[in-house]
Amino acid sequence: MVGIGVDLNLELARDAGLTVDRGIVVNAQGRSNDPAIFAAGDVAQHHQYGLCIQSWAFAQNQAIATAKAMLDPQASGYDEAPWLWSDQYDRNVQILGIPQAGSRTIVRDEPQGAIYFSLNADGRLTQLVAFNNARIVKLAKRWMAAGRDLSNVPLADPTFSLMSLR
């Protein structure tokens, strides 16, 4: 698989005096250091990860939250874990979250494809990579949102039902 990146044009943001790093630095609401200027989508640097998350799902959902914040300063921000997927021939690859330094990876081999879990020192899921397994991605989104401790769960054991962790 090959991923081709993009170069962001941040010149206008810099000229406007906005804080720029890898993208336009924004909070969870999409608000820049100038309270009247918002950014969303590929150009907005994720407030937790320090990256520009260039996937349509993130761009769409972050843009919705940013539009709400433009209309209501008390609106909640967008804090869901980044998620992307790609269909490559007979494989569906889904990636949830961002790998974190110091995470440990657990591999679960299943007939439809492997699942890779990355857990931080507290046993929280920081990233999941799944092949041909959309159900586990949906479940993992819940684990991430809840901050569930998975450190004592036999994730590598294919006989253990992950669905029992709903």
Protein backbone atom coordinates (compact mmCIF):
# COMPACT_ATOMS: atom_id res chain seq x y z
CA MET A 1 0.00 0.00 0.00
CA VAL A 2 1.26 3.49 -0.81
CA GLY A 3 0.00 6.69 0.79
CA ILE A 4 0.56 9.95 -1.03
CA GLY A 5 0.51 13.08 1.12
CA VAL A 6 -0.41 16.66 0.45
CA ASP A 7 1.34 19.93 1.15
CA LEU A 8 -0.92 22.39 2.93
CA ASN A 9 -0.93 26.01 1.80
CA LEU A 10 -0.76 27.84 5.13
CA GLU A 11 0.49 31.18 3.80
CA LEU A 12 -2.82 33.02 4.29
CA ALA A 13 -3.13 31.70 7.86
CA ARG A 14 0.41 32.84 8.69
CA ASP A 15 -0.22 36.25 7.12
CA ALA A 16 -3.36 36.55 9.27
CA GLY A 17 -1.26 35.98 12.40
CA LEU A 18 -2.69 32.56 13.18
CA THR A 19 -0.64 30.00 15.08
CA VAL A 20 0.59 27.50 12.51
CA ASP A 21 2.54 24.31 13.09
CA ARG A 22 1.80 21.29 10.91
CA GLY A 23 -1.50 23.00 10.14
CA ILE A 24 -3.61 25.76 11.63
CA VAL A 25 -3.57 25.13 15.39
CA VAL A 26 -7.14 24.89 16.68
CA ASN A 27 -8.96 23.75 19.79
CA ALA A 28 -11.66 21.04 19.87
CA GLN A 29 -14.18 23.57 18.51
CA GLY A 30 -11.98 24.41 15.51
CA ARG A 31 -11.22 27.87 16.92
CA SER A 32 -7.77 29.32 16.17
CA ASN A 33 -5.76 31.68 18.38
CA ASP A 34 -7.88 34.47 16.84
CA PRO A 35 -11.32 33.85 18.42
CA ALA A 36 -13.06 35.05 15.25
CA ILE A 37 -11.24 32.61 12.93
CA PHE A 38 -11.99 28.90 12.71
CA ALA A 39 -10.40 26.11 10.68
CA ALA A 40 -11.68 22.63 9.88
CA GLY A 41 -10.72 19.70 7.71
CA ASP A 42 -7.32 18.85 6.28
CA VAL A 43 -5.77 22.22 7.20
CA ALA A 44 -6.72 22.06 10.90
CA GLN A 45 -4.17 20.56 13.27
CA HIS A 46 -5.81 18.12 15.68
CA HIS A 47 -5.77 19.61 19.19
CA GLN A 48 -4.83 16.33 20.92
CA TYR A 49 -2.50 14.67 18.43
CA GLY A 50 -0.68 17.63 16.88
CA LEU A 51 -1.36 16.27 13.39
CA CYS A 52 -3.54 17.19 10.46
CA ILE A 53 -5.92 14.26 10.11
CA GLN A 54 -6.53 13.98 6.40
CA SER A 55 -9.51 11.67 6.10
CA TRP A 56 -12.96 12.53 4.87
CA ALA A 57 -14.67 11.19 8.02
CA PHE A 58 -12.60 13.44 10.28
CA ALA A 59 -12.99 16.45 7.96
CA GLN A 60 -16.76 16.00 7.80
CA ASN A 61 -17.34 15.45 11.51
CA GLN A 62 -14.90 18.11 12.66
CA ALA A 63 -16.49 20.60 10.22
CA ILE A 64 -19.94 19.92 11.70
CA ALA A 65 -18.64 20.53 15.24
CA THR A 66 -16.79 23.66 14.09
CA ALA A 67 -19.91 25.07 12.39
CA LYS A 68 -21.88 24.50 15.61
CA ALA A 69 -19.17 26.31 17.59
CA MET A 70 -19.35 29.26 15.19
CA LEU A 71 -23.04 29.58 16.04
CA ASP A 72 -22.77 28.72 19.74
CA PRO A 73 -19.57 29.39 21.72
CA GLN A 74 -20.70 26.79 24.30
CA ALA A 75 -21.04 24.00 21.72
CA SER A 76 -19.07 20.87 22.44
CA GLY A 77 -15.96 20.26 20.38
CA TYR A 78 -15.04 17.28 18.26
CA ASP A 79 -13.03 14.76 20.28
CA GLU A 80 -13.55 11.43 18.53
CA ALA A 81 -10.54 9.31 17.67
CA PRO A 82 -9.37 9.69 14.07
CA TRP A 83 -10.70 6.90 11.85
CA LEU A 84 -9.96 5.99 8.26
CA TRP A 85 -10.30 3.01 6.02
CA SER A 86 -9.36 1.79 2.59
CA ASP A 87 -10.50 -1.07 0.41
CA GLN A 88 -7.47 -2.73 -1.18
CA TYR A 89 -8.49 -5.56 -3.51
CA ASP A 90 -10.24 -8.11 -1.28
CA ARG A 91 -9.13 -6.41 1.95
CA ASN A 92 -10.81 -3.71 3.97
CA VAL A 93 -8.27 -1.97 6.20
CA GLN A 94 -9.56 0.22 9.03
CA ILE A 95 -7.41 2.33 11.33
CA LEU A 96 -8.76 3.92 14.49
CA GLY A 97 -6.67 6.29 16.59
CA ILE A 98 -3.04 7.33 16.41
CA PRO A 99 -0.08 5.30 17.66
CA GLN A 100 1.45 6.72 20.83
CA ALA A 101 5.05 6.48 21.99
CA GLY A 102 5.49 3.72 24.53
CA SER A 103 2.38 1.80 23.49
CA ARG A 104 2.53 -1.96 23.37
CA THR A 105 1.04 -3.80 20.41
CA ILE A 106 -1.02 -6.97 20.70
CA VAL A 107 -1.76 -9.01 17.57
CA ARG A 108 -4.87 -11.15 17.24
CA ASP A 109 -4.94 -13.51 14.27
CA GLU A 110 -8.42 -14.24 12.98
CA PRO A 111 -9.55 -16.07 9.82
CA GLN A 112 -10.72 -12.88 8.09
CA GLY A 113 -7.54 -10.97 8.97
CA ALA A 114 -5.36 -9.76 11.80
CA ILE A 115 -6.30 -7.15 14.39
CA TYR A 116 -3.59 -4.97 15.93
CA PHE A 117 -4.30 -3.35 19.29
CA SER A 118 -2.02 -0.63 20.69
CA LEU A 119 -2.42 -0.03 24.42
CA ASN A 120 -0.82 2.72 26.48
CA ALA A 121 0.72 2.16 29.93
CA ASP A 122 -2.74 2.46 31.53
CA GLY A 123 -4.16 -0.27 29.29
CA ARG A 124 -6.19 2.20 27.22
CA LEU A 125 -6.56 1.59 23.49
CA THR A 126 -4.66 4.24 21.52
CA GLN A 127 -4.86 2.64 18.08
CA LEU A 128 -6.52 -0.29 16.39
CA VAL A 129 -5.80 -1.63 12.92
CA ALA A 130 -8.26 -4.23 11.64
CA PHE A 131 -8.51 -6.15 8.41
CA ASN A 132 -11.99 -7.15 7.19
CA ASN A 133 -13.56 -6.58 10.60
CA ALA A 134 -15.80 -3.50 10.79
CA ARG A 135 -17.62 -4.80 13.88
CA ILE A 136 -14.50 -4.68 16.04
CA VAL A 137 -13.76 -1.12 14.88
CA LYS A 138 -17.21 -0.01 16.00
CA LEU A 139 -16.67 -1.70 19.36
CA ALA A 140 -13.17 -0.20 19.71
CA LYS A 141 -14.62 3.30 19.20
CA ARG A 142 -16.71 2.71 22.33
CA TRP A 143 -13.68 1.46 24.27
CA MET A 144 -11.69 4.55 23.31
CA ALA A 145 -14.49 6.97 24.15
CA ALA A 146 -14.99 5.32 27.55
CA GLY A 147 -11.25 5.05 28.28
CA ARG A 148 -11.72 1.35 28.99
CA ASP A 149 -8.82 -0.48 30.64
CA LEU A 150 -7.98 -3.48 28.44
CA SER A 151 -4.72 -4.43 30.14
CA ASN A 152 -6.09 -7.68 31.60
CA VAL A 153 -8.21 -8.68 28.60
CA PRO A 154 -6.91 -11.62 26.51
CA LEU A 155 -6.99 -9.62 23.27
CA ALA A 156 -4.58 -11.97 21.44
CA ASP A 157 -6.73 -15.04 22.12
CA PRO A 158 -9.02 -15.66 19.11
CA THR A 159 -11.26 -17.90 21.25
CA PHE A 160 -12.06 -14.94 23.55
CA SER A 161 -15.19 -13.10 22.40
CA LEU A 162 -14.40 -9.41 21.98
CA MET A 163 -18.15 -8.80 21.70
CA SER A 164 -18.42 -9.77 25.38
CA LEU A 165 -16.76 -6.40 26.13
CA ARG A 166 -19.64 -4.28 24.87
